[in-house]
C-alpha atoms as a PDB file:
ATOM      1  CA  UNK A   1      18.763  99.704 124.681  1.00  0.00           C
ATOM      2  CA  UNK A   2      16.018 101.004 126.949  1.00  0.00           C
ATOM      3  CA  UNK A   3      14.499 104.468 126.896  1.00  0.00           C
ATOM      4  CA  UNK A   4      12.575 105.838 129.876  1.00  0.00           C
ATOM      5  CA  UNK A   5      10.233 108.827 129.907  1.00  0.00           C
ATOM      6  CA  UNK A   6       8.804 110.199 133.153  1.00  0.00           C
ATOM      7  CA  UNK A   7       5.682 112.281 133.548  1.00  0.00           C
ATOM      8  CA  UNK A   8       3.348 113.501 136.270  1.00  0.00           C
ATOM      9  CA  UNK A   9       5.493 115.922 138.228  1.00  0.00           C
ATOM     10  CA  UNK A  10       4.373 119.363 139.247  1.00  0.00           C
ATOM     11  CA  UNK A  11       3.574 121.722 142.090  1.00  0.00           C
ATOM     12  CA  UNK A  12       1.436 120.446 144.937  1.00  0.00           C
ATOM     13  CA  UNK A  13       0.535 121.677 148.408  1.00  0.00           C
ATOM     14  CA  UNK A  14       1.657 119.841 151.537  1.00  0.00           C
ATOM     15  CA  UNK A  15      -0.659 116.921 152.181  1.00  0.00           C
ATOM     16  CA  UNK A  16      -1.494 116.603 148.521  1.00  0.00           C
ATOM     17  CA  UNK A  17      -0.888 113.784 146.091  1.00  0.00           C
ATOM     18  CA  UNK A  18       0.814 113.183 142.777  1.00  0.00           C
ATOM     19  CA  UNK A  19       1.169 110.144 140.570  1.00  0.00           C
ATOM     20  CA  UNK A  20       4.337 109.741 138.542  1.00  0.00           C
ATOM     21  CA  UNK A  21       4.553 107.506 135.499  1.00  0.00           C
ATOM     22  CA  UNK A  22       7.535 106.110 133.656  1.00  0.00           C
ATOM     23  CA  UNK A  23       7.088 104.480 130.277  1.00  0.00           C
ATOM     24  CA  UNK A  24       9.802 102.206 128.950  1.00  0.00           C
ATOM     25  CA  UNK A  25      10.545 101.531 125.319  1.00  0.00           C
ATOM     26  CA  UNK A  26      13.245  99.787 123.346  1.00  0.00           C
ATOM     27  CA  UNK A  27      14.505  96.461 124.655  1.00  0.00           C
ATOM     28  CA  UNK A  28      11.683  96.250 127.153  1.00  0.00           C
ATOM     29  CA  UNK A  29      11.738  92.469 127.262  1.00  0.00           C
ATOM     30  CA  UNK A  30      15.095  92.618 129.004  1.00  0.00           C
ATOM     31  CA  UNK A  31      14.065  94.840 131.940  1.00  0.00           C
ATOM     32  CA  UNK A  32      14.333  93.419 135.418  1.00  0.00           C
ATOM     33  CA  UNK A  33      13.858  95.733 138.378  1.00  0.00           C
ATOM     34  CA  UNK A  34      12.586  99.287 138.042  1.00  0.00           C
ATOM     35  CA  UNK A  35      12.622 102.105 140.524  1.00  0.00           C
ATOM     36  CA  UNK A  36      12.341 105.738 141.415  1.00  0.00           C
ATOM     37  CA  UNK A  37      15.148 107.892 142.725  1.00  0.00           C
ATOM     38  CA  UNK A  38      15.135 111.532 143.690  1.00  0.00           C
ATOM     39  CA  UNK A  39      17.607 114.327 144.176  1.00  0.00           C
ATOM     40  CA  UNK A  40      16.587 117.309 146.255  1.00  0.00           C
ATOM     41  CA  UNK A  41      18.343 120.668 146.263  1.00  0.00           C
ATOM     42  CA  UNK A  42      21.796 120.313 147.763  1.00  0.00           C
ATOM     43  CA  UNK A  43      21.305 116.598 148.356  1.00  0.00           C
ATOM     44  CA  UNK A  44      22.611 113.351 146.968  1.00  0.00           C
ATOM     45  CA  UNK A  45      20.467 111.163 144.781  1.00  0.00           C
ATOM     46  CA  UNK A  46      18.609 108.617 146.853  1.00  0.00           C
ATOM     47  CA  UNK A  47      16.445 105.598 146.265  1.00  0.00           C
ATOM     48  CA  UNK A  48      12.758 106.254 146.847  1.00  0.00           C
ATOM     49  CA  UNK A  49      11.227 102.944 145.842  1.00  0.00           C
ATOM     50  CA  UNK A  50      12.023  99.903 143.740  1.00  0.00           C
ATOM     51  CA  UNK A  51      10.048  97.030 142.317  1.00  0.00           C
ATOM     52  CA  UNK A  52      11.246  93.747 140.879  1.00  0.00           C
ATOM     53  CA  UNK A  53       9.933  91.888 137.881  1.00  0.00           C
ATOM     54  CA  UNK A  54       7.810  89.746 140.201  1.00  0.00           C
ATOM     55  CA  UNK A  55       6.454  92.859 141.979  1.00  0.00           C
ATOM     56  CA  UNK A  56       8.455  92.679 145.183  1.00  0.00           C
ATOM     57  CA  UNK A  57       8.936  96.203 146.521  1.00  0.00           C
ATOM     58  CA  UNK A  58      11.113  98.197 148.849  1.00  0.00           C
ATOM     59  CA  UNK A  59      10.921 101.795 150.012  1.00  0.00           C
ATOM     60  CA  UNK A  60      13.024 104.416 151.653  1.00  0.00           C
ATOM     61  CA  UNK A  61      12.081 104.804 155.302  1.00  0.00           C
ATOM     62  CA  UNK A  62      11.130 108.422 154.680  1.00  0.00           C
ATOM     63  CA  UNK A  63       8.320 107.472 152.283  1.00  0.00           C
ATOM     64  CA  UNK A  64       6.993 104.241 153.771  1.00  0.00           C
ATOM     65  CA  UNK A  65       3.257 104.413 154.265  1.00  0.00           C
ATOM     66  CA  UNK A  66       2.933 107.417 151.957  1.00  0.00           C
ATOM     67  CA  UNK A  67       4.285 106.287 148.578  1.00  0.00           C
ATOM     68  CA  UNK A  68       3.388 103.213 146.559  1.00  0.00           C
ATOM     69  CA  UNK A  69       5.328 101.856 143.613  1.00  0.00           C
ATOM     70  CA  UNK A  70       3.659  99.611 141.080  1.00  0.00           C
ATOM     71  CA  UNK A  71       4.237  98.378 137.563  1.00  0.00           C
ATOM     72  CA  UNK A  72       2.128  97.302 134.648  1.00  0.00           C
ATOM     73  CA  UNK A  73       4.199  94.908 132.600  1.00  0.00           C
ATOM     74  CA  UNK A  74       1.640  94.851 129.797  1.00  0.00           C
ATOM     75  CA  UNK A  75       2.183  98.596 129.359  1.00  0.00           C
ATOM     76  CA  UNK A  76       5.886  98.575 130.249  1.00  0.00           C
ATOM     77  CA  UNK A  77       5.203 101.307 132.761  1.00  0.00           C
ATOM     78  CA  UNK A  78       6.124 101.889 136.396  1.00  0.00           C
ATOM     79  CA  UNK A  79       4.184 104.236 138.662  1.00  0.00           C
ATOM     80  CA  UNK A  80       4.819 106.071 141.883  1.00  0.00           C
ATOM     81  CA  UNK A  81       1.734 107.126 143.809  1.00  0.00           C
ATOM     82  CA  UNK A  82       2.749 109.828 146.275  1.00  0.00           C
ATOM     83  CA  UNK A  83       0.329 110.736 149.051  1.00  0.00           C
ATOM     84  CA  UNK A  84       0.616 112.994 152.081  1.00  0.00           C
ATOM     85  CA  UNK A  85       3.383 114.933 150.394  1.00  0.00           C
ATOM     86  CA  UNK A  86       5.753 117.001 152.500  1.00  0.00           C
ATOM     87  CA  UNK A  87       8.017 119.908 151.575  1.00  0.00           C
ATOM     88  CA  UNK A  88      11.019 117.639 152.079  1.00  0.00           C
ATOM     89  CA  UNK A  89       9.738 115.494 149.209  1.00  0.00           C
ATOM     90  CA  UNK A  90      10.641 118.316 146.835  1.00  0.00           C
ATOM     91  CA  UNK A  91      13.134 116.935 144.330  1.00  0.00           C
ATOM     92  CA  UNK A  92      13.736 115.879 140.784  1.00  0.00           C
ATOM     93  CA  UNK A  93      12.435 112.340 140.504  1.00  0.00           C
ATOM     94  CA  UNK A  94      14.177 109.928 138.171  1.00  0.00           C
ATOM     95  CA  UNK A  95      12.925 106.634 136.853  1.00  0.00           C
ATOM     96  CA  UNK A  96      15.370 103.799 136.436  1.00  0.00           C
ATOM     97  CA  UNK A  97      15.333 100.366 134.888  1.00  0.00           C
ATOM     98  CA  UNK A  98      17.914  97.645 135.352  1.00  0.00           C
ATOM     99  CA  UNK A  99      18.800  95.093 132.701  1.00  0.00           C
ATOM    100  CA  UNK A 100      20.713  92.007 133.846  1.00  0.00           C
ATOM    101  CA  UNK A 101      23.883  91.387 131.864  1.00  0.00           C
ATOM    102  CA  UNK A 102      24.828  87.989 133.223  1.00  0.00           C
ATOM    103  CA  UNK A 103      24.041  85.567 136.005  1.00  0.00           C
ATOM    104  CA  UNK A 104      26.673  86.946 138.341  1.00  0.00           C
ATOM    105  CA  UNK A 105      24.783  90.037 139.476  1.00  0.00           C
ATOM    106  CA  UNK A 106      26.004  92.533 136.870  1.00  0.00           C
ATOM    107  CA  UNK A 107      23.466  94.775 135.214  1.00  0.00           C
ATOM    108  CA  UNK A 108      23.042  97.846 133.021  1.00  0.00           C
ATOM    109  CA  UNK A 109      21.189 100.750 134.599  1.00  0.00           C
ATOM    110  CA  UNK A 110      19.061 103.105 132.510  1.00  0.00           C
ATOM    111  CA  UNK A 111      17.708 106.471 133.582  1.00  0.00           C
ATOM    112  CA  UNK A 112      14.893 108.766 132.587  1.00  0.00           C
ATOM    113  CA  UNK A 113      15.293 112.498 132.151  1.00  0.00           C
ATOM    114  CA  UNK A 114      13.689 113.377 135.477  1.00  0.00           C
ATOM    115  CA  UNK A 115      10.522 115.176 136.480  1.00  0.00           C
ATOM    116  CA  UNK A 116      10.303 117.991 139.024  1.00  0.00           C
ATOM    117  CA  UNK A 117       8.123 117.577 142.097  1.00  0.00           C
ATOM    118  CA  UNK A 118       7.676 120.666 144.249  1.00  0.00           C
ATOM    119  CA  UNK A 119       5.731 120.555 147.515  1.00  0.00           C
ATOM    120  CA  UNK A 120       5.012 124.037 148.800  1.00  0.00           C
ATOM    121  CA  UNK A 121       2.254 126.236 150.167  1.00  0.00           C
END
């Protein structure tokens, strides 16, 4: 099993920055890709950014150029650096980790508890 704990959320003004962290524990040797999702008020959960075990990344179009995902495999931690924050970035941000189950593309997805990010003047 994998346990994920997020931290770093809070209240920030538009144009400001926050850095989210997600620490993994448990069966950390089995983790493949990791990522950040968010769910804003009245919205569906959406992918923000993802990073593979070999550090390939992808981002939602809405955050490209502003957010950066990274991981430190020695610390079993994934980060999301958020710059130039906008009010529409307000959401609960969730960390995820995927553990491959076989070689046919199936995997187990684990989730953190979420951390609130509020962007407001």
